[in-house]
N, C-alpha and C. Protein backbone atom coordinates (compact mmCIF):
# COMPACT_ATOMS: atom_id res chain seq x y z
N UNK A 1 7.38 -6.05 1.42
CA UNK A 1 8.13 -6.62 0.33
C UNK A 1 9.63 -6.62 0.73
N UNK A 2 10.26 -7.80 0.71
CA UNK A 2 11.64 -7.90 0.93
C UNK A 2 12.32 -8.12 -0.36
N UNK A 3 13.36 -7.23 -0.72
CA UNK A 3 14.00 -7.34 -1.99
C UNK A 3 15.38 -6.76 -1.89
N UNK A 4 16.20 -6.93 -2.94
CA UNK A 4 17.48 -6.40 -3.04
C UNK A 4 18.54 -7.19 -2.34
N UNK A 5 19.69 -6.58 -2.23
CA UNK A 5 20.86 -7.21 -1.71
C UNK A 5 20.72 -7.69 -0.27
N UNK A 6 20.01 -6.94 0.53
CA UNK A 6 19.89 -7.33 1.93
C UNK A 6 19.02 -8.63 2.11
N UNK A 7 18.10 -8.81 1.16
CA UNK A 7 17.29 -10.07 1.21
C UNK A 7 18.17 -11.29 1.02
N UNK A 8 19.25 -11.14 0.14
CA UNK A 8 20.11 -12.28 -0.08
C UNK A 8 21.04 -12.43 1.16
N UNK A 9 21.65 -11.33 1.61
CA UNK A 9 22.59 -11.40 2.73
C UNK A 9 21.98 -11.98 3.98
N UNK A 10 20.76 -11.68 4.23
CA UNK A 10 20.14 -12.17 5.47
C UNK A 10 19.21 -13.33 5.25
N UNK A 11 19.24 -13.89 4.04
CA UNK A 11 18.47 -15.15 3.79
C UNK A 11 16.96 -14.97 3.77
N UNK A 12 16.49 -13.75 3.55
CA UNK A 12 15.10 -13.48 3.58
C UNK A 12 14.34 -13.69 2.25
N UNK A 13 15.06 -13.75 1.14
CA UNK A 13 14.44 -13.86 -0.10
C UNK A 13 15.33 -13.72 -1.30
N UNK A 14 14.74 -13.52 -2.46
CA UNK A 14 15.54 -13.42 -3.66
C UNK A 14 15.67 -11.95 -4.02
N UNK A 15 16.59 -11.51 -4.97
CA UNK A 15 16.69 -10.14 -5.31
C UNK A 15 15.47 -9.62 -6.06
N UNK A 16 14.65 -10.53 -6.52
CA UNK A 16 13.42 -10.08 -7.24
C UNK A 16 12.34 -9.59 -6.27
N UNK A 17 12.40 -10.05 -5.00
CA UNK A 17 11.43 -9.66 -3.97
C UNK A 17 10.51 -10.78 -3.60
N UNK A 18 10.03 -10.68 -2.38
CA UNK A 18 9.08 -11.68 -1.79
C UNK A 18 7.99 -10.85 -1.05
N UNK A 19 6.76 -11.14 -1.33
CA UNK A 19 5.65 -10.45 -0.67
C UNK A 19 5.25 -11.26 0.58
N UNK A 20 5.23 -10.59 1.70
CA UNK A 20 4.84 -11.23 3.01
C UNK A 20 3.41 -10.86 3.21
N UNK A 21 2.45 -11.79 3.17
CA UNK A 21 1.05 -11.52 3.30
C UNK A 21 0.43 -12.27 4.56
N UNK A 22 1.06 -12.22 5.67
CA UNK A 22 0.57 -12.83 6.90
C UNK A 22 -0.52 -11.99 7.53
N UNK A 23 -1.56 -12.57 7.98
CA UNK A 23 -2.66 -11.87 8.71
C UNK A 23 -2.28 -11.74 10.15
N UNK A 24 -2.66 -10.63 10.75
CA UNK A 24 -2.45 -10.48 12.22
C UNK A 24 -3.44 -11.36 12.97
N UNK A 25 -3.06 -11.77 14.17
CA UNK A 25 -3.91 -12.62 15.00
C UNK A 25 -4.15 -11.92 16.33
N UNK A 26 -5.15 -12.22 17.04
CA UNK A 26 -5.29 -11.78 18.43
C UNK A 26 -4.09 -12.27 19.27
N UNK A 27 -3.68 -11.45 20.23
CA UNK A 27 -2.49 -11.79 21.03
C UNK A 27 -2.88 -12.38 22.45
N UNK A 28 -4.17 -12.50 22.65
CA UNK A 28 -4.72 -12.98 24.02
C UNK A 28 -4.12 -12.15 25.15
N UNK A 29 -4.23 -10.86 24.92
CA UNK A 29 -3.91 -9.87 25.95
C UNK A 29 -4.71 -8.64 25.75
N UNK A 30 -4.94 -7.89 26.73
CA UNK A 30 -5.63 -6.60 26.64
C UNK A 30 -4.72 -5.51 26.34
N UNK A 31 -4.74 -4.98 25.12
CA UNK A 31 -3.82 -3.86 24.81
C UNK A 31 -4.47 -3.05 23.70
N UNK A 32 -4.06 -1.77 23.69
CA UNK A 32 -4.52 -0.83 22.69
C UNK A 32 -3.31 -0.02 22.25
N UNK A 33 -3.24 0.31 20.92
CA UNK A 33 -2.10 1.05 20.40
C UNK A 33 -2.64 1.97 19.29
N UNK A 34 -2.16 3.20 19.38
CA UNK A 34 -2.48 4.19 18.32
C UNK A 34 -1.17 4.74 17.76
N UNK A 35 -1.11 4.73 16.42
CA UNK A 35 0.15 5.20 15.75
C UNK A 35 -0.28 6.35 14.81
N UNK A 36 0.49 7.44 14.93
CA UNK A 36 0.23 8.56 14.07
C UNK A 36 1.45 8.93 13.33
N UNK A 37 1.33 9.36 12.10
CA UNK A 37 2.47 9.74 11.23
C UNK A 37 2.06 10.94 10.43
N UNK A 38 2.95 11.92 10.32
CA UNK A 38 2.74 13.12 9.49
C UNK A 38 4.03 13.36 8.64
N UNK A 39 3.88 13.84 7.37
CA UNK A 39 5.06 14.16 6.59
C UNK A 39 4.97 15.60 6.10
N UNK A 40 6.02 16.00 5.41
CA UNK A 40 6.20 17.37 4.95
C UNK A 40 5.21 17.79 3.85
N UNK A 41 4.53 16.89 3.19
CA UNK A 41 3.59 17.20 2.19
C UNK A 41 2.16 17.38 2.71
N UNK A 42 2.00 17.24 3.99
CA UNK A 42 0.69 17.32 4.64
C UNK A 42 -0.09 16.02 4.75
N UNK A 43 0.58 14.95 4.49
CA UNK A 43 -0.04 13.62 4.63
C UNK A 43 -0.14 13.26 6.07
N UNK A 44 -1.26 12.50 6.39
CA UNK A 44 -1.54 12.10 7.84
C UNK A 44 -2.00 10.68 7.84
N UNK A 45 -1.38 9.87 8.66
CA UNK A 45 -1.75 8.43 8.82
C UNK A 45 -2.05 8.12 10.25
N UNK A 46 -3.20 7.43 10.46
CA UNK A 46 -3.57 6.99 11.82
C UNK A 46 -3.84 5.52 11.79
N UNK A 47 -3.32 4.77 12.66
CA UNK A 47 -3.67 3.36 12.85
C UNK A 47 -4.05 3.10 14.28
N UNK A 48 -5.21 2.53 14.47
CA UNK A 48 -5.74 2.16 15.80
C UNK A 48 -5.77 0.67 15.86
N UNK A 49 -5.11 0.01 16.84
CA UNK A 49 -5.02 -1.41 17.02
C UNK A 49 -5.58 -1.79 18.34
N UNK A 50 -6.72 -2.43 18.45
CA UNK A 50 -7.32 -2.80 19.74
C UNK A 50 -7.33 -4.36 19.79
N UNK A 51 -6.87 -4.87 20.91
CA UNK A 51 -6.75 -6.32 21.20
C UNK A 51 -7.40 -6.56 22.50
N UNK A 52 -8.39 -7.53 22.53
CA UNK A 52 -9.13 -7.86 23.73
C UNK A 52 -9.30 -9.35 23.90
N UNK A 53 -8.85 -9.74 25.10
CA UNK A 53 -9.04 -11.18 25.45
C UNK A 53 -10.38 -11.27 26.13
N UNK A 54 -11.35 -12.00 25.52
CA UNK A 54 -12.67 -12.16 26.10
C UNK A 54 -12.74 -13.28 27.12
N UNK A 55 -12.21 -14.40 26.79
CA UNK A 55 -12.14 -15.60 27.79
C UNK A 55 -10.66 -16.00 27.81
N UNK A 56 -10.14 -16.02 29.02
CA UNK A 56 -8.66 -16.22 29.18
C UNK A 56 -8.18 -17.51 28.42
N UNK A 57 -7.21 -17.31 27.53
CA UNK A 57 -6.57 -18.34 26.67
C UNK A 57 -7.56 -19.10 25.85
N UNK A 58 -8.76 -18.63 25.69
CA UNK A 58 -9.75 -19.38 24.85
C UNK A 58 -10.31 -18.48 23.74
N UNK A 59 -10.73 -17.21 24.01
CA UNK A 59 -11.39 -16.39 23.01
C UNK A 59 -10.83 -14.99 23.01
N UNK A 60 -10.45 -14.52 21.87
CA UNK A 60 -9.92 -13.14 21.76
C UNK A 60 -10.35 -12.47 20.43
N UNK A 61 -10.42 -11.13 20.41
CA UNK A 61 -10.80 -10.38 19.28
C UNK A 61 -9.75 -9.28 19.01
N UNK A 62 -9.55 -8.93 17.80
CA UNK A 62 -8.62 -7.80 17.47
C UNK A 62 -9.26 -6.99 16.32
N UNK A 63 -9.23 -5.73 16.53
CA UNK A 63 -9.71 -4.78 15.54
C UNK A 63 -8.65 -3.76 15.13
N UNK A 64 -8.45 -3.51 13.89
CA UNK A 64 -7.44 -2.55 13.41
C UNK A 64 -8.10 -1.59 12.44
N UNK A 65 -7.97 -0.29 12.66
CA UNK A 65 -8.53 0.68 11.77
C UNK A 65 -7.45 1.54 11.22
N UNK A 66 -7.54 1.95 9.91
CA UNK A 66 -6.53 2.70 9.21
C UNK A 66 -7.18 3.89 8.55
N UNK A 67 -6.63 5.06 8.70
CA UNK A 67 -7.00 6.22 7.92
C UNK A 67 -5.63 6.80 7.44
N UNK A 68 -5.45 6.75 6.09
CA UNK A 68 -4.21 7.22 5.49
C UNK A 68 -4.55 8.22 4.44
N UNK A 69 -4.24 9.50 4.73
CA UNK A 69 -4.54 10.58 3.80
C UNK A 69 -3.18 11.14 3.25
N UNK A 70 -2.90 10.77 2.00
CA UNK A 70 -1.65 11.19 1.37
C UNK A 70 -1.86 12.41 0.53
N UNK A 71 -0.99 13.42 0.66
CA UNK A 71 -0.92 14.56 -0.22
C UNK A 71 0.39 14.56 -0.92
N UNK A 72 0.45 15.02 -2.14
CA UNK A 72 1.65 15.01 -2.94
C UNK A 72 2.09 16.48 -3.23
N UNK A 73 3.30 16.62 -3.80
CA UNK A 73 3.76 17.95 -4.15
C UNK A 73 2.94 18.54 -5.33
N UNK A 74 2.49 17.65 -6.19
CA UNK A 74 1.65 18.05 -7.31
C UNK A 74 0.23 18.27 -6.78
N UNK A 75 -0.32 19.47 -7.09
CA UNK A 75 -1.68 19.74 -6.63
C UNK A 75 -2.62 19.50 -7.78
N UNK A 76 -3.73 18.94 -7.68
CA UNK A 76 -4.53 18.51 -6.52
C UNK A 76 -4.41 16.99 -6.24
N UNK A 77 -3.25 16.39 -6.48
CA UNK A 77 -3.07 14.94 -6.28
C UNK A 77 -3.27 14.58 -4.85
N UNK A 78 -3.94 13.39 -4.66
CA UNK A 78 -4.18 12.91 -3.25
C UNK A 78 -4.43 11.43 -3.33
N UNK A 79 -4.36 10.72 -2.18
CA UNK A 79 -4.76 9.35 -2.04
C UNK A 79 -5.25 9.10 -0.67
N UNK A 80 -6.55 8.82 -0.47
CA UNK A 80 -7.14 8.56 0.82
C UNK A 80 -7.54 7.11 0.93
N UNK A 81 -7.07 6.46 1.91
CA UNK A 81 -7.25 5.05 2.18
C UNK A 81 -7.83 4.83 3.55
N UNK A 82 -8.98 4.18 3.61
CA UNK A 82 -9.64 3.92 4.86
C UNK A 82 -9.93 2.41 4.95
N UNK A 83 -9.54 1.76 6.04
CA UNK A 83 -9.71 0.33 6.17
C UNK A 83 -10.08 -0.06 7.56
N UNK A 84 -10.80 -1.16 7.70
CA UNK A 84 -11.16 -1.71 9.01
C UNK A 84 -10.96 -3.23 8.85
N UNK A 85 -10.15 -3.75 9.76
CA UNK A 85 -9.80 -5.23 9.78
C UNK A 85 -10.21 -5.76 11.11
N UNK A 86 -10.87 -6.91 11.15
CA UNK A 86 -11.27 -7.57 12.34
C UNK A 86 -10.96 -9.00 12.27
N UNK A 87 -10.48 -9.58 13.42
CA UNK A 87 -10.16 -11.02 13.50
C UNK A 87 -10.62 -11.52 14.87
N UNK A 88 -11.01 -12.76 14.90
CA UNK A 88 -11.50 -13.46 16.06
C UNK A 88 -10.82 -14.83 16.16
N UNK A 89 -10.38 -15.21 17.31
CA UNK A 89 -9.73 -16.52 17.50
C UNK A 89 -10.36 -17.24 18.66
N UNK A 90 -10.80 -18.44 18.46
CA UNK A 90 -11.42 -19.23 19.55
C UNK A 90 -10.68 -20.55 19.64
N UNK A 91 -9.97 -20.71 20.75
CA UNK A 91 -9.33 -21.95 21.00
C UNK A 91 -10.27 -22.89 21.68
N UNK A 92 -10.88 -23.75 20.89
CA UNK A 92 -11.98 -24.70 21.40
C UNK A 92 -11.32 -25.70 22.36
N UNK A 93 -10.30 -26.25 21.98
CA UNK A 93 -9.50 -27.18 22.85
C UNK A 93 -8.07 -27.12 22.35
N UNK A 94 -7.14 -27.90 22.90
CA UNK A 94 -5.71 -27.74 22.55
C UNK A 94 -5.40 -28.20 21.14
N UNK A 95 -6.35 -28.98 20.51
CA UNK A 95 -6.12 -29.48 19.16
C UNK A 95 -6.96 -28.80 18.15
N UNK A 96 -7.89 -27.91 18.52
CA UNK A 96 -8.80 -27.32 17.52
C UNK A 96 -8.94 -25.83 17.83
N UNK A 97 -8.61 -25.01 16.80
CA UNK A 97 -8.73 -23.56 16.86
C UNK A 97 -9.55 -23.05 15.69
N UNK A 98 -10.42 -22.14 16.00
CA UNK A 98 -11.29 -21.56 14.97
C UNK A 98 -10.89 -20.02 14.81
N UNK A 99 -10.54 -19.60 13.58
CA UNK A 99 -10.23 -18.24 13.31
C UNK A 99 -11.13 -17.67 12.28
N UNK A 100 -11.51 -16.40 12.41
CA UNK A 100 -12.27 -15.70 11.38
C UNK A 100 -11.66 -14.30 11.20
N UNK A 101 -11.60 -13.92 9.93
CA UNK A 101 -11.05 -12.60 9.57
C UNK A 101 -11.99 -11.87 8.62
N UNK A 102 -12.03 -10.55 8.69
CA UNK A 102 -12.78 -9.76 7.70
C UNK A 102 -12.07 -8.40 7.53
N UNK A 103 -12.19 -7.89 6.32
CA UNK A 103 -11.59 -6.52 6.09
C UNK A 103 -12.48 -5.81 5.12
N UNK A 104 -12.66 -4.52 5.38
CA UNK A 104 -13.39 -3.63 4.54
C UNK A 104 -12.55 -2.42 4.25
N UNK A 105 -12.57 -1.96 3.02
CA UNK A 105 -11.72 -0.76 2.75
C UNK A 105 -12.20 0.02 1.55
N UNK A 106 -11.74 1.26 1.50
CA UNK A 106 -12.12 2.12 0.37
C UNK A 106 -10.94 3.00 0.09
N UNK A 107 -10.52 3.12 -1.16
CA UNK A 107 -9.46 4.06 -1.55
C UNK A 107 -10.04 5.06 -2.60
N UNK A 108 -9.81 6.34 -2.27
CA UNK A 108 -10.19 7.38 -3.28
C UNK A 108 -8.89 8.09 -3.57
N UNK A 109 -8.66 8.35 -4.83
CA UNK A 109 -7.38 8.93 -5.25
C UNK A 109 -7.47 9.71 -6.55
N UNK A 110 -6.61 10.64 -6.60
CA UNK A 110 -6.24 11.32 -7.81
C UNK A 110 -4.71 11.45 -7.81
N UNK A 111 -4.04 10.39 -8.27
CA UNK A 111 -2.62 10.24 -8.06
C UNK A 111 -1.89 11.25 -9.04
N UNK A 112 -0.66 11.58 -8.66
CA UNK A 112 0.14 12.50 -9.48
C UNK A 112 0.51 11.83 -10.81
N UNK A 113 0.70 12.64 -11.92
CA UNK A 113 1.13 12.08 -13.17
C UNK A 113 2.66 11.94 -13.08
N UNK A 114 3.17 10.75 -13.23
CA UNK A 114 4.58 10.41 -13.13
C UNK A 114 5.32 10.63 -14.42
N UNK A 115 4.61 10.90 -15.50
CA UNK A 115 5.26 11.02 -16.81
C UNK A 115 5.08 12.46 -17.29
N UNK A 116 6.08 13.02 -17.79
CA UNK A 116 5.99 14.39 -18.34
C UNK A 116 5.26 14.34 -19.73
N UNK A 117 5.15 15.47 -20.33
CA UNK A 117 4.53 15.57 -21.68
C UNK A 117 5.39 14.70 -22.69
N UNK A 118 4.71 14.06 -23.57
CA UNK A 118 5.40 13.21 -24.59
C UNK A 118 5.02 13.68 -25.95
N UNK A 119 6.00 13.88 -26.82
CA UNK A 119 5.73 14.29 -28.21
C UNK A 119 5.79 13.10 -29.10
N UNK A 120 4.56 12.64 -29.50
CA UNK A 120 4.53 11.58 -30.52
C UNK A 120 4.22 12.10 -31.87
N UNK A 121 3.98 13.41 -31.98
CA UNK A 121 3.61 13.97 -33.25
C UNK A 121 4.85 14.07 -34.20
N UNK A 122 6.00 14.46 -33.62
CA UNK A 122 7.22 14.58 -34.40
C UNK A 122 7.62 13.29 -35.04
N UNK A 123 7.51 12.19 -34.31
CA UNK A 123 7.86 10.85 -34.87
C UNK A 123 6.91 10.56 -35.92
N UNK A 124 5.64 10.88 -35.82
CA UNK A 124 4.63 10.58 -36.86
C UNK A 124 5.00 11.29 -38.14
N UNK A 125 5.32 12.61 -38.03
CA UNK A 125 5.70 13.44 -39.25
C UNK A 125 7.01 12.85 -39.85
N UNK A 126 7.99 12.54 -39.00
CA UNK A 126 9.23 12.03 -39.55
C UNK A 126 9.07 10.71 -40.33
N UNK A 127 8.17 9.87 -39.87
CA UNK A 127 7.86 8.60 -40.48
C UNK A 127 7.41 8.84 -41.92
N UNK A 128 6.73 9.93 -42.14
CA UNK A 128 6.17 10.21 -43.49
C UNK A 128 7.05 11.21 -44.27
N UNK A 129 8.31 11.47 -43.78
CA UNK A 129 9.28 12.24 -44.48
C UNK A 129 9.04 13.74 -44.43
N UNK A 130 8.30 14.21 -43.48
CA UNK A 130 8.06 15.66 -43.24
C UNK A 130 9.05 16.25 -42.40
N UNK A 131 9.66 17.43 -42.76
CA UNK A 131 10.73 18.00 -41.91
C UNK A 131 10.10 18.64 -40.64
N UNK A 132 10.85 18.51 -39.57
CA UNK A 132 10.49 19.15 -38.33
C UNK A 132 11.75 19.82 -37.77
N UNK A 133 11.66 20.57 -36.72
CA UNK A 133 12.82 21.19 -36.07
C UNK A 133 13.85 20.13 -35.60
N UNK A 134 13.33 18.96 -35.26
CA UNK A 134 14.19 17.93 -34.75
C UNK A 134 14.81 17.12 -35.85
N UNK A 135 14.26 17.20 -37.10
CA UNK A 135 14.74 16.41 -38.23
C UNK A 135 14.77 17.27 -39.48
N UNK A 136 15.65 18.32 -39.63
CA UNK A 136 15.60 19.26 -40.72
C UNK A 136 15.99 18.66 -42.10
N UNK A 137 16.49 17.46 -42.16
CA UNK A 137 16.98 16.88 -43.40
C UNK A 137 15.81 16.44 -44.32
N UNK A 138 14.64 16.27 -43.74
CA UNK A 138 13.51 15.82 -44.52
C UNK A 138 12.88 17.05 -45.32
N UNK A 139 12.09 16.74 -46.29
CA UNK A 139 11.40 17.75 -47.04
C UNK A 139 10.34 18.47 -46.20
N UNK A 140 10.04 19.69 -46.57
CA UNK A 140 8.99 20.45 -45.82
C UNK A 140 7.67 20.27 -46.50
N UNK A 141 6.56 20.48 -45.68
CA UNK A 141 5.18 20.48 -46.18
C UNK A 141 4.94 21.53 -47.22
């Protein structure tokens, strides 16, 4: 997501934000890449990107796997994301290309509560004229 002042300065979008949803394609080269990331909360992210050219400049396949295990400061909050993405590109001739993509994923989570406790009872009593510690001018029960 591109947003904020930088998106305007560099001509990439509006201040409200733009979502970039381009799919990856095979690069017609043999390459493999593994990316690992760890943070201070114990989160661990692994991305495996495999790219294979099956027939030179004609047929290629790419597979990307993701395992993202997020831990938060609040216990027992977590978010585990596992995904597998595959794409195939077949250049039949110079005017016709066939592409196929598939993705499977699963997210399991118990996310942290972003809101603290909320007191709605005091407002309810105040609406009916009952005194509370926050509103002592009203009559008592």
